[in-house]
Amino acid sequence: MSKTTLTRWINKENESKLGEIEIHVRKSKKIYPEKSIKYIEEHPDAYLVEIADKFNCSECAIRKSLKKLNEMFLRHVARSKRIFTILTT
């Protein structure tokens, strides 16, 4: 056991928080997949900057969200192709 762990335990005991459980609250999402898909369908030629302004977030967040949506879409397509091949054979 490290010295740091013992120090933290002692400090928590002094503050009478040793037995308490910390609850981590997840940050709410700004970019909901349904809303982003709808916006992109309505504005297919929109730049990342424009989409970021619409959702009040950074371009990087939009890029990550779109990448995640694309991966979800590709997994769905691959899964449906496998099911189709199983059903046709």
PDB file of N, CA and C in Angstrom:
ATOM      1  N   MET A   1       0.847  -1.164   0.000  1.00  0.00           N
ATOM      2  CA  MET A   1       0.000   0.000   0.000  1.00  0.00           C
ATOM      3  C   MET A   1       0.898   1.234   0.000  1.00  0.00           C
ATOM      4  N   SER A   2       0.527   2.186  -0.834  1.00  0.00           N
ATOM      5  CA  SER A   2       1.386   3.360  -0.973  1.00  0.00           C
ATOM      6  C   SER A   2       1.143   4.393   0.128  1.00  0.00           C
ATOM      7  N   LYS A   3       2.104   5.252   0.256  1.00  0.00           N
ATOM      8  CA  LYS A   3       2.025   6.319   1.246  1.00  0.00           C
ATOM      9  C   LYS A   3       0.882   7.287   0.908  1.00  0.00           C
ATOM     10  N   THR A   4       0.666   7.512  -0.382  1.00  0.00           N
ATOM     11  CA  THR A   4      -0.391   8.421  -0.828  1.00  0.00           C
ATOM     12  C   THR A   4      -1.765   7.900  -0.425  1.00  0.00           C
ATOM     13  N   THR A   5      -1.995   6.598  -0.585  1.00  0.00           N
ATOM     14  CA  THR A   5      -3.275   6.000  -0.213  1.00  0.00           C
ATOM     15  C   THR A   5      -3.543   6.177   1.273  1.00  0.00           C
ATOM     16  N   LEU A   6      -2.550   5.895   2.083  1.00  0.00           N
ATOM     17  CA  LEU A   6      -2.704   6.049   3.535  1.00  0.00           C
ATOM     18  C   LEU A   6      -2.987   7.505   3.911  1.00  0.00           C
ATOM     19  N   THR A   7      -2.306   8.429   3.253  1.00  0.00           N
ATOM     20  CA  THR A   7      -2.521   9.846   3.528  1.00  0.00           C
ATOM     21  C   THR A   7      -3.949  10.258   3.188  1.00  0.00           C
ATOM     22  N   ARG A   8      -4.446   9.780   2.035  1.00  0.00           N
ATOM     23  CA  ARG A   8      -5.825  10.087   1.648  1.00  0.00           C
ATOM     24  C   ARG A   8      -6.821   9.520   2.646  1.00  0.00           C
ATOM     25  N   TRP A   9      -6.598   8.302   3.087  1.00  0.00           N
ATOM     26  CA  TRP A   9      -7.500   7.674   4.060  1.00  0.00           C
ATOM     27  C   TRP A   9      -7.515   8.460   5.373  1.00  0.00           C
ATOM     28  N   ILE A  10      -6.347   8.867   5.808  1.00  0.00           N
ATOM     29  CA  ILE A  10      -6.254   9.630   7.060  1.00  0.00           C
ATOM     30  C   ILE A  10      -6.979  10.963   6.915  1.00  0.00           C
ATOM     31  N   ASN A  11      -6.782  11.636   5.776  1.00  0.00           N
ATOM     32  CA  ASN A  11      -7.459  12.917   5.546  1.00  0.00           C
ATOM     33  C   ASN A  11      -8.972  12.741   5.484  1.00  0.00           C
ATOM     34  N   LYS A  12      -9.424  11.680   4.827  1.00  0.00           N
ATOM     35  CA  LYS A  12     -10.865  11.431   4.759  1.00  0.00           C
ATOM     36  C   LYS A  12     -11.427  11.110   6.139  1.00  0.00           C
ATOM     37  N   GLU A  13     -10.662  10.372   6.940  1.00  0.00           N
ATOM     38  CA  GLU A  13     -11.120  10.034   8.283  1.00  0.00           C
ATOM     39  C   GLU A  13     -11.210  11.292   9.141  1.00  0.00           C
ATOM     40  N   ASN A  14     -10.259  12.185   8.983  1.00  0.00           N
ATOM     41  CA  ASN A  14     -10.291  13.446   9.730  1.00  0.00           C
ATOM     42  C   ASN A  14     -11.485  14.310   9.325  1.00  0.00           C
ATOM     43  N   GLU A  15     -11.879  14.228   8.063  1.00  0.00           N
ATOM     44  CA  GLU A  15     -13.030  14.995   7.575  1.00  0.00           C
ATOM     45  C   GLU A  15     -14.329  14.222   7.763  1.00  0.00           C
ATOM     46  N   SER A  16     -14.258  13.053   8.341  1.00  0.00           N
ATOM     47  CA  SER A  16     -15.379  12.135   8.568  1.00  0.00           C
ATOM     48  C   SER A  16     -16.106  11.785   7.271  1.00  0.00           C
ATOM     49  N   LYS A  17     -15.324  11.540   6.218  1.00  0.00           N
ATOM     50  CA  LYS A  17     -15.881  11.141   4.923  1.00  0.00           C
ATOM     51  C   LYS A  17     -15.359   9.778   4.494  1.00  0.00           C
ATOM     52  N   LEU A  18     -14.837   9.011   5.420  1.00  0.00           N
ATOM     53  CA  LEU A  18     -14.196   7.753   5.065  1.00  0.00           C
ATOM     54  C   LEU A  18     -15.169   6.725   4.503  1.00  0.00           C
ATOM     55  N   GLY A  19     -16.376   6.639   5.040  1.00  0.00           N
ATOM     56  CA  GLY A  19     -17.328   5.636   4.588  1.00  0.00           C
ATOM     57  C   GLY A  19     -18.237   6.097   3.464  1.00  0.00           C
ATOM     58  N   GLU A  20     -18.138   7.364   3.057  1.00  0.00           N
ATOM     59  CA  GLU A  20     -19.044   7.897   2.045  1.00  0.00           C
ATOM     60  C   GLU A  20     -18.636   7.459   0.646  1.00  0.00           C
ATOM     61  N   ILE A  21     -19.627   7.311  -0.195  1.00  0.00           N
ATOM     62  CA  ILE A  21     -19.390   6.934  -1.584  1.00  0.00           C
ATOM     63  C   ILE A  21     -19.537   8.178  -2.441  1.00  0.00           C
ATOM     64  N   GLU A  22     -18.556   8.426  -3.308  1.00  0.00           N
ATOM     65  CA  GLU A  22     -18.626   9.573  -4.198  1.00  0.00           C
ATOM     66  C   GLU A  22     -19.430   9.200  -5.438  1.00  0.00           C
ATOM     67  N   ILE A  23     -20.385  10.030  -5.775  1.00  0.00           N
ATOM     68  CA  ILE A  23     -21.193   9.791  -6.962  1.00  0.00           C
ATOM     69  C   ILE A  23     -20.729  10.759  -8.044  1.00  0.00           C
ATOM     70  N   HIS A  24     -20.327  10.202  -9.180  1.00  0.00           N
ATOM     71  CA  HIS A  24     -19.877  11.019 -10.295  1.00  0.00           C
ATOM     72  C   HIS A  24     -21.066  11.299 -11.213  1.00  0.00           C
ATOM     73  N   VAL A  25     -21.344  12.549 -11.411  1.00  0.00           N
ATOM     74  CA  VAL A  25     -22.455  12.945 -12.265  1.00  0.00           C
ATOM     75  C   VAL A  25     -21.921  13.155 -13.675  1.00  0.00           C
ATOM     76  N   ARG A  26     -22.527  12.463 -14.633  1.00  0.00           N
ATOM     77  CA  ARG A  26     -22.087  12.573 -16.008  1.00  0.00           C
ATOM     78  C   ARG A  26     -22.604  13.876 -16.615  1.00  0.00           C
ATOM     79  N   LYS A  27     -21.760  14.496 -17.392  1.00  0.00           N
ATOM     80  CA  LYS A  27     -22.103  15.737 -18.040  1.00  0.00           C
ATOM     81  C   LYS A  27     -23.188  15.497 -19.084  1.00  0.00           C
ATOM     82  N   SER A  28     -24.136  16.393 -19.184  1.00  0.00           N
ATOM     83  CA  SER A  28     -25.198  16.209 -20.163  1.00  0.00           C
ATOM     84  C   SER A  28     -24.654  16.406 -21.575  1.00  0.00           C
ATOM     85  N   LYS A  29     -25.288  15.743 -22.521  1.00  0.00           N
ATOM     86  CA  LYS A  29     -24.831  15.818 -23.902  1.00  0.00           C
ATOM     87  C   LYS A  29     -25.374  17.069 -24.571  1.00  0.00           C
ATOM     88  N   LYS A  30     -24.523  17.670 -25.375  1.00  0.00           N
ATOM     89  CA  LYS A  30     -24.979  18.776 -26.186  1.00  0.00           C
ATOM     90  C   LYS A  30     -25.426  18.264 -27.550  1.00  0.00           C
ATOM     91  N   ILE A  31     -24.760  17.229 -28.009  1.00  0.00           N
ATOM     92  CA  ILE A  31     -25.007  16.729 -29.351  1.00  0.00           C
ATOM     93  C   ILE A  31     -25.800  15.430 -29.243  1.00  0.00           C
ATOM     94  N   TYR A  32     -27.081  15.524 -29.472  1.00  0.00           N
ATOM     95  CA  TYR A  32     -27.906  14.321 -29.477  1.00  0.00           C
ATOM     96  C   TYR A  32     -27.873  13.717 -30.874  1.00  0.00           C
ATOM     97  N   PRO A  33     -27.679  12.402 -30.983  1.00  0.00           N
ATOM     98  CA  PRO A  33     -27.556  11.769 -32.305  1.00  0.00           C
ATOM     99  C   PRO A  33     -28.754  12.024 -33.207  1.00  0.00           C
ATOM    100  N   GLU A  34     -29.956  11.990 -32.654  1.00  0.00           N
ATOM    101  CA  GLU A  34     -31.146  12.184 -33.481  1.00  0.00           C
ATOM    102  C   GLU A  34     -31.172  13.590 -34.077  1.00  0.00           C
ATOM    103  N   LYS A  35     -30.848  14.573 -33.247  1.00  0.00           N
ATOM    104  CA  LYS A  35     -30.871  15.956 -33.713  1.00  0.00           C
ATOM    105  C   LYS A  35     -29.773  16.209 -34.735  1.00  0.00           C
ATOM    106  N   SER A  36     -28.585  15.636 -34.503  1.00  0.00           N
ATOM    107  CA  SER A  36     -27.492  15.856 -35.449  1.00  0.00           C
ATOM    108  C   SER A  36     -27.777  15.186 -36.788  1.00  0.00           C
ATOM    109  N   ILE A  37     -28.361  13.992 -36.770  1.00  0.00           N
ATOM    110  CA  ILE A  37     -28.710  13.313 -38.020  1.00  0.00           C
ATOM    111  C   ILE A  37     -29.744  14.130 -38.784  1.00  0.00           C
ATOM    112  N   LYS A  38     -30.740  14.628 -38.073  1.00  0.00           N
ATOM    113  CA  LYS A  38     -31.787  15.427 -38.710  1.00  0.00           C
ATOM    114  C   LYS A  38     -31.199  16.699 -39.315  1.00  0.00           C
ATOM    115  N   TYR A  39     -30.317  17.369 -38.576  1.00  0.00           N
ATOM    116  CA  TYR A  39     -29.708  18.603 -39.076  1.00  0.00           C
ATOM    117  C   TYR A  39     -28.856  18.331 -40.310  1.00  0.00           C
ATOM    118  N   ILE A  40     -28.095  17.242 -40.298  1.00  0.00           N
ATOM    119  CA  ILE A  40     -27.230  16.925 -41.432  1.00  0.00           C
ATOM    120  C   ILE A  40     -28.057  16.529 -42.650  1.00  0.00           C
ATOM    121  N   GLU A  41     -29.176  15.856 -42.433  1.00  0.00           N
ATOM    122  CA  GLU A  41     -30.055  15.524 -43.556  1.00  0.00           C
ATOM    123  C   GLU A  41     -30.654  16.787 -44.167  1.00  0.00           C
ATOM    124  N   GLU A  42     -30.977  17.769 -43.329  1.00  0.00           N
ATOM    125  CA  GLU A  42     -31.535  19.023 -43.828  1.00  0.00           C
ATOM    126  C   GLU A  42     -30.474  19.913 -44.467  1.00  0.00           C
ATOM    127  N   HIS A  43     -29.244  19.852 -43.964  1.00  0.00           N
ATOM    128  CA  HIS A  43     -28.137  20.683 -44.462  1.00  0.00           C
ATOM    129  C   HIS A  43     -26.949  19.786 -44.813  1.00  0.00           C
ATOM    130  N   PRO A  44     -26.995  19.044 -45.911  1.00  0.00           N
ATOM    131  CA  PRO A  44     -25.919  18.090 -46.227  1.00  0.00           C
ATOM    132  C   PRO A  44     -24.584  18.748 -46.569  1.00  0.00           C
ATOM    133  N   ASP A  45     -24.590  20.015 -46.987  1.00  0.00           N
ATOM    134  CA  ASP A  45     -23.344  20.678 -47.362  1.00  0.00           C
ATOM    135  C   ASP A  45     -22.823  21.615 -46.273  1.00  0.00           C
ATOM    136  N   ALA A  46     -23.304  21.482 -45.057  1.00  0.00           N
ATOM    137  CA  ALA A  46     -22.889  22.351 -43.951  1.00  0.00           C
ATOM    138  C   ALA A  46     -21.474  21.996 -43.501  1.00  0.00           C
ATOM    139  N   TYR A  47     -20.702  23.032 -43.185  1.00  0.00           N
ATOM    140  CA  TYR A  47     -19.358  22.833 -42.668  1.00  0.00           C
ATOM    141  C   TYR A  47     -19.425  22.481 -41.180  1.00  0.00           C
ATOM    142  N   LEU A  48     -18.322  21.939 -40.677  1.00  0.00           N
ATOM    143  CA  LEU A  48     -18.264  21.594 -39.250  1.00  0.00           C
ATOM    144  C   LEU A  48     -18.467  22.822 -38.370  1.00  0.00           C
ATOM    145  N   VAL A  49     -17.945  23.961 -38.815  1.00  0.00           N
ATOM    146  CA  VAL A  49     -18.076  25.198 -38.048  1.00  0.00           C
ATOM    147  C   VAL A  49     -19.548  25.570 -37.897  1.00  0.00           C
ATOM    148  N   GLU A  50     -20.304  25.443 -38.983  1.00  0.00           N
ATOM    149  CA  GLU A  50     -21.728  25.784 -38.941  1.00  0.00           C
ATOM    150  C   GLU A  50     -22.494  24.841 -38.015  1.00  0.00           C
ATOM    151  N   ILE A  51     -22.170  23.550 -38.094  1.00  0.00           N
ATOM    152  CA  ILE A  51     -22.834  22.573 -37.234  1.00  0.00           C
ATOM    153  C   ILE A  51     -22.479  22.830 -35.770  1.00  0.00           C
ATOM    154  N   ALA A  52     -21.203  23.158 -35.528  1.00  0.00           N
ATOM    155  CA  ALA A  52     -20.760  23.448 -34.160  1.00  0.00           C
ATOM    156  C   ALA A  52     -21.477  24.677 -33.607  1.00  0.00           C
ATOM    157  N   ASP A  53     -21.671  25.698 -34.436  1.00  0.00           N
ATOM    158  CA  ASP A  53     -22.415  26.880 -33.985  1.00  0.00           C
ATOM    159  C   ASP A  53     -23.859  26.523 -33.645  1.00  0.00           C
ATOM    160  N   LYS A  54     -24.455  25.668 -34.449  1.00  0.00           N
ATOM    161  CA  LYS A  54     -25.843  25.260 -34.225  1.00  0.00           C
ATOM    162  C   LYS A  54     -25.995  24.540 -32.882  1.00  0.00           C
ATOM    163  N   PHE A  55     -25.053  23.636 -32.578  1.00  0.00           N
ATOM    164  CA  PHE A  55     -25.138  22.836 -31.358  1.00  0.00           C
ATOM    165  C   PHE A  55     -24.365  23.449 -30.186  1.00  0.00           C
ATOM    166  N   ASN A  56     -23.770  24.620 -30.414  1.00  0.00           N
ATOM    167  CA  ASN A  56     -23.056  25.343 -29.362  1.00  0.00           C
ATOM    168  C   ASN A  56     -21.937  24.496 -28.736  1.00  0.00           C
ATOM    169  N   CYS A  57     -21.086  23.957 -29.594  1.00  0.00           N
ATOM    170  CA  CYS A  57     -19.952  23.163 -29.116  1.00  0.00           C
ATOM    171  C   CYS A  57     -18.787  23.344 -30.085  1.00  0.00           C
ATOM    172  N   SER A  58     -17.714  22.611 -29.880  1.00  0.00           N
ATOM    173  CA  SER A  58     -16.526  22.764 -30.712  1.00  0.00           C
ATOM    174  C   SER A  58     -16.608  21.904 -31.964  1.00  0.00           C
ATOM    175  N   GLU A  59     -15.750  22.256 -32.940  1.00  0.00           N
ATOM    176  CA  GLU A  59     -15.680  21.470 -34.173  1.00  0.00           C
ATOM    177  C   GLU A  59     -15.198  20.051 -33.873  1.00  0.00           C
ATOM    178  N   CYS A  60     -14.282  19.947 -32.933  1.00  0.00           N
ATOM    179  CA  CYS A  60     -13.736  18.640 -32.559  1.00  0.00           C
ATOM    180  C   CYS A  60     -14.837  17.732 -32.019  1.00  0.00           C
ATOM    181  N   ALA A  61     -15.734  18.274 -31.221  1.00  0.00           N
ATOM    182  CA  ALA A  61     -16.836  17.479 -30.664  1.00  0.00           C
ATOM    183  C   ALA A  61     -17.761  16.993 -31.779  1.00  0.00           C
ATOM    184  N   ILE A  62     -18.018  17.863 -32.759  1.00  0.00           N
ATOM    185  CA  ILE A  62     -18.855  17.468 -33.895  1.00  0.00           C
ATOM    186  C   ILE A  62     -18.180  16.366 -34.694  1.00  0.00           C
ATOM    187  N   ARG A  63     -16.886  16.523 -34.934  1.00  0.00           N
ATOM    188  CA  ARG A  63     -16.137  15.517 -35.697  1.00  0.00           C
ATOM    189  C   ARG A  63     -16.185  14.160 -35.005  1.00  0.00           C
ATOM    190  N   LYS A  64     -15.984  14.159 -33.697  1.00  0.00           N
ATOM    191  CA  LYS A  64     -16.030  12.898 -32.939  1.00  0.00           C
ATOM    192  C   LYS A  64     -17.424  12.281 -32.969  1.00  0.00           C
ATOM    193  N   SER A  65     -18.438  13.128 -32.847  1.00  0.00           N
ATOM    194  CA  SER A  65     -19.813  12.640 -32.868  1.00  0.00           C
ATOM    195  C   SER A  65     -20.149  12.010 -34.222  1.00  0.00           C
ATOM    196  N   LEU A  66     -19.753  12.683 -35.307  1.00  0.00           N
ATOM    197  CA  LEU A  66     -20.022  12.152 -36.642  1.00  0.00           C
ATOM    198  C   LEU A  66     -19.262  10.855 -36.890  1.00  0.00           C
ATOM    199  N   LYS A  67     -18.049  10.790 -36.387  1.00  0.00           N
ATOM    200  CA  LYS A  67     -17.271   9.562 -36.529  1.00  0.00           C
ATOM    201  C   LYS A  67     -17.953   8.415 -35.792  1.00  0.00           C
ATOM    202  N   LYS A  68     -18.441   8.695 -34.594  1.00  0.00           N
ATOM    203  CA  LYS A  68     -19.133   7.674 -33.808  1.00  0.00           C
ATOM    204  C   LYS A  68     -20.414   7.223 -34.506  1.00  0.00           C
ATOM    205  N   LEU A  69     -21.165   8.182 -35.061  1.00  0.00           N
ATOM    206  CA  LEU A  69     -22.384   7.841 -35.786  1.00  0.00           C
ATOM    207  C   LEU A  69     -22.081   6.989 -37.008  1.00  0.00           C
ATOM    208  N   ASN A  70     -20.996   7.318 -37.718  1.00  0.00           N
ATOM    209  CA  ASN A  70     -20.613   6.552 -38.897  1.00  0.00           C
ATOM    210  C   ASN A  70     -20.236   5.125 -38.514  1.00  0.00           C
ATOM    211  N   GLU A  71     -19.503   4.965 -37.406  1.00  0.00           N
ATOM    212  CA  GLU A  71     -19.140   3.623 -36.953  1.00  0.00           C
ATOM    213  C   GLU A  71     -20.381   2.826 -36.569  1.00  0.00           C
ATOM    214  N   MET A  72     -21.342   3.474 -35.918  1.00  0.00           N
ATOM    215  CA  MET A  72     -22.583   2.800 -35.551  1.00  0.00           C
ATOM    216  C   MET A  72     -23.333   2.379 -36.811  1.00  0.00           C
ATOM    217  N   PHE A  73     -23.354   3.254 -37.825  1.00  0.00           N
ATOM    218  CA  PHE A  73     -24.035   2.947 -39.076  1.00  0.00           C
ATOM    219  C   PHE A  73     -23.355   1.772 -39.779  1.00  0.00           C
ATOM    220  N   LEU A  74     -22.022   1.786 -39.821  1.00  0.00           N
ATOM    221  CA  LEU A  74     -21.294   0.712 -40.496  1.00  0.00           C
ATOM    222  C   LEU A  74     -21.497  -0.624 -39.784  1.00  0.00           C
ATOM    223  N   ARG A  75     -21.530  -0.611 -38.452  1.00  0.00           N
ATOM    224  CA  ARG A  75     -21.795  -1.842 -37.707  1.00  0.00           C
ATOM    225  C   ARG A  75     -23.188  -2.359 -38.005  1.00  0.00           C
ATOM    226  N   HIS A  76     -24.157  -1.455 -38.102  1.00  0.00           N
ATOM    227  CA  HIS A  76     -25.529  -1.840 -38.404  1.00  0.00           C
ATOM    228  C   HIS A  76     -25.616  -2.461 -39.794  1.00  0.00           C
ATOM    229  N   VAL A  77     -24.942  -1.873 -40.775  1.00  0.00           N
ATOM    230  CA  VAL A  77     -24.957  -2.395 -42.149  1.00  0.00           C
ATOM    231  C   VAL A  77     -24.299  -3.769 -42.185  1.00  0.00           C
ATOM    232  N   ALA A  78     -23.160  -3.919 -41.521  1.00  0.00           N
ATOM    233  CA  ALA A  78     -22.464  -5.206 -41.516  1.00  0.00           C
ATOM    234  C   ALA A  78     -23.327  -6.276 -40.865  1.00  0.00           C
ATOM    235  N   ARG A  79     -23.996  -5.921 -39.785  1.00  0.00           N
ATOM    236  CA  ARG A  79     -24.851  -6.868 -39.078  1.00  0.00           C
ATOM    237  C   ARG A  79     -26.030  -7.283 -39.966  1.00  0.00           C
ATOM    238  N   SER A  80     -26.630  -6.318 -40.658  1.00  0.00           N
ATOM    239  CA  SER A  80     -27.768  -6.650 -41.511  1.00  0.00           C
ATOM    240  C   SER A  80     -27.333  -7.492 -42.703  1.00  0.00           C
ATOM    241  N   LYS A  81     -26.125  -7.280 -43.218  1.00  0.00           N
ATOM    242  CA  LYS A  81     -25.620  -8.117 -44.318  1.00  0.00           C
ATOM    243  C   LYS A  81     -25.417  -9.556 -43.846  1.00  0.00           C
ATOM    244  N   ARG A  82     -24.890  -9.717 -42.630  1.00  0.00           N
ATOM    245  CA  ARG A  82     -24.701 -11.076 -42.096  1.00  0.00           C
ATOM    246  C   ARG A  82     -26.042 -11.783 -41.932  1.00  0.00           C
ATOM    247  N   ILE A  83     -27.021 -11.079 -41.428  1.00  0.00           N
ATOM    248  CA  ILE A  83     -28.349 -11.676 -41.239  1.00  0.00           C
ATOM    249  C   ILE A  83     -28.940 -12.040 -42.580  1.00  0.00           C
ATOM    250  N   PHE A  84     -28.765 -11.172 -43.584  1.00  0.00           N
ATOM    251  CA  PHE A  84     -29.293 -11.432 -44.909  1.00  0.00           C
ATOM    252  C   PHE A  84     -28.668 -12.689 -45.532  1.00  0.00           C
ATOM    253  N   THR A  85     -27.332 -12.829 -45.350  1.00  0.00           N
ATOM    254  CA  THR A  85     -26.655 -14.003 -45.923  1.00  0.00           C
ATOM    255  C   THR A  85     -27.087 -15.279 -45.202  1.00  0.00           C
ATOM    256  N   ILE A  86     -27.338 -15.202 -43.918  1.00  0.00           N
ATOM    257  CA  ILE A  86     -27.791 -16.366 -43.168  1.00  0.00           C
ATOM    258  C   ILE A  86     -29.185 -16.765 -43.626  1.00  0.00           C
ATOM    259  N   LEU A  87     -30.055 -15.772 -43.839  1.00  0.00           N
ATOM    260  CA  LEU A  87     -31.419 -16.072 -44.255  1.00  0.00           C
ATOM    261  C   LEU A  87     -31.509 -16.587 -45.680  1.00  0.00           C
ATOM    262  N   THR A  88     -30.624 -16.180 -46.563  1.00  0.00           N
ATOM    263  CA  THR A  88     -30.679 -16.599 -47.966  1.00  0.00           C
ATOM    264  C   THR A  88     -30.021 -17.947 -48.203  1.00  0.00           C
ATOM    265  N   THR A  89     -29.186 -18.399 -47.296  1.00  0.00           N
ATOM    266  CA  THR A  89     -28.523 -19.695 -47.507  1.00  0.00           C
ATOM    267  C   THR A  89     -29.313 -20.830 -46.929  1.00  0.00           C
TER     268      THR A  89
END
